[in-house]
Amino acid sequence: MLPNDPVMMLSYVNLKLRDYYKSLDDLCENEDVKKQTLLDKLSGIGYVYNEETNQFV
């Protein structure tokens, strides 16, 4: 379950991407999260997913 607060979500998702998942698609599939919802929530605080670095920047 992802944190609801966008800043906490950012930290949690980047940690998971760094330590456990090779892509955002893998994270969303394994954590049962809708990718677009995650992208929308984090873009709302100015972050976008970077495939090269596999993190939100």
N, C-alpha and C. Protein backbone atom coordinates (compact mmCIF):
# COMPACT_ATOMS: atom_id res chain seq x y z
N MET A 1 0.84 -1.18 0.00
CA MET A 1 0.00 0.00 0.00
C MET A 1 0.88 1.25 0.00
N LEU A 2 0.60 2.15 -0.92
CA LEU A 2 1.37 3.38 -1.03
C LEU A 2 0.89 4.44 -0.05
N PRO A 3 1.80 5.26 0.45
CA PRO A 3 1.38 6.38 1.29
C PRO A 3 0.48 7.32 0.49
N ASN A 4 -0.44 7.95 1.14
CA ASN A 4 -1.37 8.86 0.47
C ASN A 4 -0.77 10.24 0.24
N ASP A 5 0.08 10.69 1.16
CA ASP A 5 0.73 11.99 1.03
C ASP A 5 1.71 11.94 -0.14
N PRO A 6 1.63 12.88 -1.09
CA PRO A 6 2.48 12.83 -2.29
C PRO A 6 3.99 12.83 -1.99
N VAL A 7 4.44 13.58 -1.00
CA VAL A 7 5.87 13.64 -0.69
C VAL A 7 6.33 12.30 -0.10
N MET A 8 5.53 11.73 0.77
CA MET A 8 5.85 10.41 1.33
C MET A 8 5.80 9.35 0.23
N MET A 9 4.83 9.48 -0.67
CA MET A 9 4.70 8.55 -1.79
C MET A 9 5.96 8.60 -2.67
N LEU A 10 6.44 9.81 -2.94
CA LEU A 10 7.65 9.98 -3.74
C LEU A 10 8.82 9.23 -3.12
N SER A 11 9.03 9.43 -1.85
CA SER A 11 10.12 8.76 -1.15
C SER A 11 9.97 7.25 -1.20
N TYR A 12 8.78 6.77 -0.92
CA TYR A 12 8.51 5.33 -0.91
C TYR A 12 8.73 4.72 -2.29
N VAL A 13 8.17 5.36 -3.32
CA VAL A 13 8.26 4.83 -4.68
C VAL A 13 9.71 4.83 -5.16
N ASN A 14 10.45 5.91 -4.93
CA ASN A 14 11.85 5.94 -5.37
C ASN A 14 12.68 4.89 -4.64
N LEU A 15 12.41 4.65 -3.38
CA LEU A 15 13.10 3.59 -2.65
C LEU A 15 12.81 2.23 -3.27
N LYS A 16 11.54 1.97 -3.54
CA LYS A 16 11.14 0.69 -4.14
C LYS A 16 11.76 0.52 -5.53
N LEU A 17 11.77 1.59 -6.32
CA LEU A 17 12.37 1.51 -7.65
C LEU A 17 13.87 1.26 -7.57
N ARG A 18 14.51 1.89 -6.63
CA ARG A 18 15.96 1.72 -6.47
C ARG A 18 16.33 0.33 -5.98
N ASP A 19 15.58 -0.17 -5.01
CA ASP A 19 15.98 -1.41 -4.33
C ASP A 19 15.30 -2.69 -4.81
N TYR A 20 14.11 -2.57 -5.44
CA TYR A 20 13.35 -3.78 -5.71
C TYR A 20 12.85 -3.96 -7.14
N TYR A 21 12.65 -2.89 -7.88
CA TYR A 21 12.02 -3.01 -9.19
C TYR A 21 12.87 -2.41 -10.28
N LYS A 22 12.88 -3.06 -11.43
CA LYS A 22 13.68 -2.57 -12.55
C LYS A 22 12.96 -1.54 -13.40
N SER A 23 11.66 -1.36 -13.15
CA SER A 23 10.90 -0.37 -13.91
C SER A 23 9.65 0.05 -13.15
N LEU A 24 9.06 1.15 -13.58
CA LEU A 24 7.82 1.62 -12.99
C LEU A 24 6.69 0.63 -13.26
N ASP A 25 6.70 0.04 -14.44
CA ASP A 25 5.68 -0.96 -14.77
C ASP A 25 5.73 -2.14 -13.81
N ASP A 26 6.94 -2.61 -13.49
CA ASP A 26 7.09 -3.72 -12.53
C ASP A 26 6.54 -3.33 -11.16
N LEU A 27 6.89 -2.14 -10.70
CA LEU A 27 6.40 -1.68 -9.41
C LEU A 27 4.88 -1.65 -9.39
N CYS A 28 4.28 -1.05 -10.41
CA CYS A 28 2.82 -0.91 -10.45
C CYS A 28 2.14 -2.27 -10.48
N GLU A 29 2.69 -3.18 -11.25
CA GLU A 29 2.10 -4.52 -11.33
C GLU A 29 2.19 -5.25 -10.00
N ASN A 30 3.34 -5.21 -9.38
CA ASN A 30 3.54 -5.95 -8.13
C ASN A 30 2.90 -5.29 -6.91
N GLU A 31 2.77 -3.98 -6.94
CA GLU A 31 2.16 -3.27 -5.82
C GLU A 31 0.67 -3.02 -6.06
N ASP A 32 0.16 -3.48 -7.20
CA ASP A 32 -1.25 -3.32 -7.58
C ASP A 32 -1.67 -1.84 -7.54
N VAL A 33 -0.89 -1.03 -8.27
CA VAL A 33 -1.11 0.41 -8.34
C VAL A 33 -1.36 0.79 -9.80
N LYS A 34 -2.30 1.68 -10.03
CA LYS A 34 -2.54 2.17 -11.38
C LYS A 34 -1.44 3.17 -11.73
N LYS A 35 -0.74 2.89 -12.82
CA LYS A 35 0.40 3.70 -13.22
C LYS A 35 0.01 5.16 -13.44
N GLN A 36 -1.08 5.41 -14.14
CA GLN A 36 -1.47 6.79 -14.44
C GLN A 36 -1.82 7.56 -13.18
N THR A 37 -2.44 6.91 -12.22
CA THR A 37 -2.76 7.55 -10.94
C THR A 37 -1.48 7.98 -10.23
N LEU A 38 -0.50 7.11 -10.22
CA LEU A 38 0.79 7.41 -9.60
C LEU A 38 1.48 8.56 -10.33
N LEU A 39 1.52 8.49 -11.65
CA LEU A 39 2.13 9.56 -12.44
C LEU A 39 1.44 10.90 -12.19
N ASP A 40 0.12 10.89 -12.16
CA ASP A 40 -0.64 12.12 -11.94
C ASP A 40 -0.36 12.71 -10.55
N LYS A 41 -0.36 11.86 -9.55
CA LYS A 41 -0.17 12.34 -8.17
C LYS A 41 1.22 12.96 -8.00
N LEU A 42 2.24 12.31 -8.55
CA LEU A 42 3.60 12.83 -8.39
C LEU A 42 3.89 14.00 -9.31
N SER A 43 3.24 14.06 -10.45
CA SER A 43 3.41 15.24 -11.30
C SER A 43 2.78 16.46 -10.65
N GLY A 44 1.80 16.22 -9.80
CA GLY A 44 1.15 17.31 -9.08
C GLY A 44 2.09 18.04 -8.13
N ILE A 45 3.18 17.38 -7.74
CA ILE A 45 4.18 18.05 -6.89
C ILE A 45 5.48 18.29 -7.67
N GLY A 46 5.38 18.18 -9.01
CA GLY A 46 6.50 18.57 -9.86
C GLY A 46 7.48 17.47 -10.22
N TYR A 47 7.12 16.21 -10.06
CA TYR A 47 8.02 15.10 -10.37
C TYR A 47 7.52 14.29 -11.55
N VAL A 48 8.46 13.85 -12.38
CA VAL A 48 8.15 12.99 -13.52
C VAL A 48 9.06 11.77 -13.46
N TYR A 49 8.60 10.68 -14.04
CA TYR A 49 9.38 9.45 -14.05
C TYR A 49 10.44 9.50 -15.14
N ASN A 50 11.67 9.16 -14.79
CA ASN A 50 12.78 9.09 -15.73
C ASN A 50 13.15 7.62 -15.91
N GLU A 51 12.89 7.08 -17.11
CA GLU A 51 13.17 5.66 -17.37
C GLU A 51 14.65 5.33 -17.26
N GLU A 52 15.51 6.23 -17.69
CA GLU A 52 16.95 5.99 -17.66
C GLU A 52 17.47 5.75 -16.26
N THR A 53 17.01 6.55 -15.33
CA THR A 53 17.49 6.43 -13.95
C THR A 53 16.54 5.60 -13.08
N ASN A 54 15.38 5.26 -13.63
CA ASN A 54 14.37 4.48 -12.92
C ASN A 54 13.99 5.15 -11.59
N GLN A 55 13.69 6.44 -11.69
CA GLN A 55 13.26 7.17 -10.50
C GLN A 55 12.45 8.40 -10.92
N PHE A 56 11.76 8.95 -9.96
CA PHE A 56 11.04 10.20 -10.17
C PHE A 56 11.99 11.34 -9.86
N VAL A 57 12.08 12.28 -10.78
CA VAL A 57 13.00 13.43 -10.61
C VAL A 57 12.25 14.72 -10.84
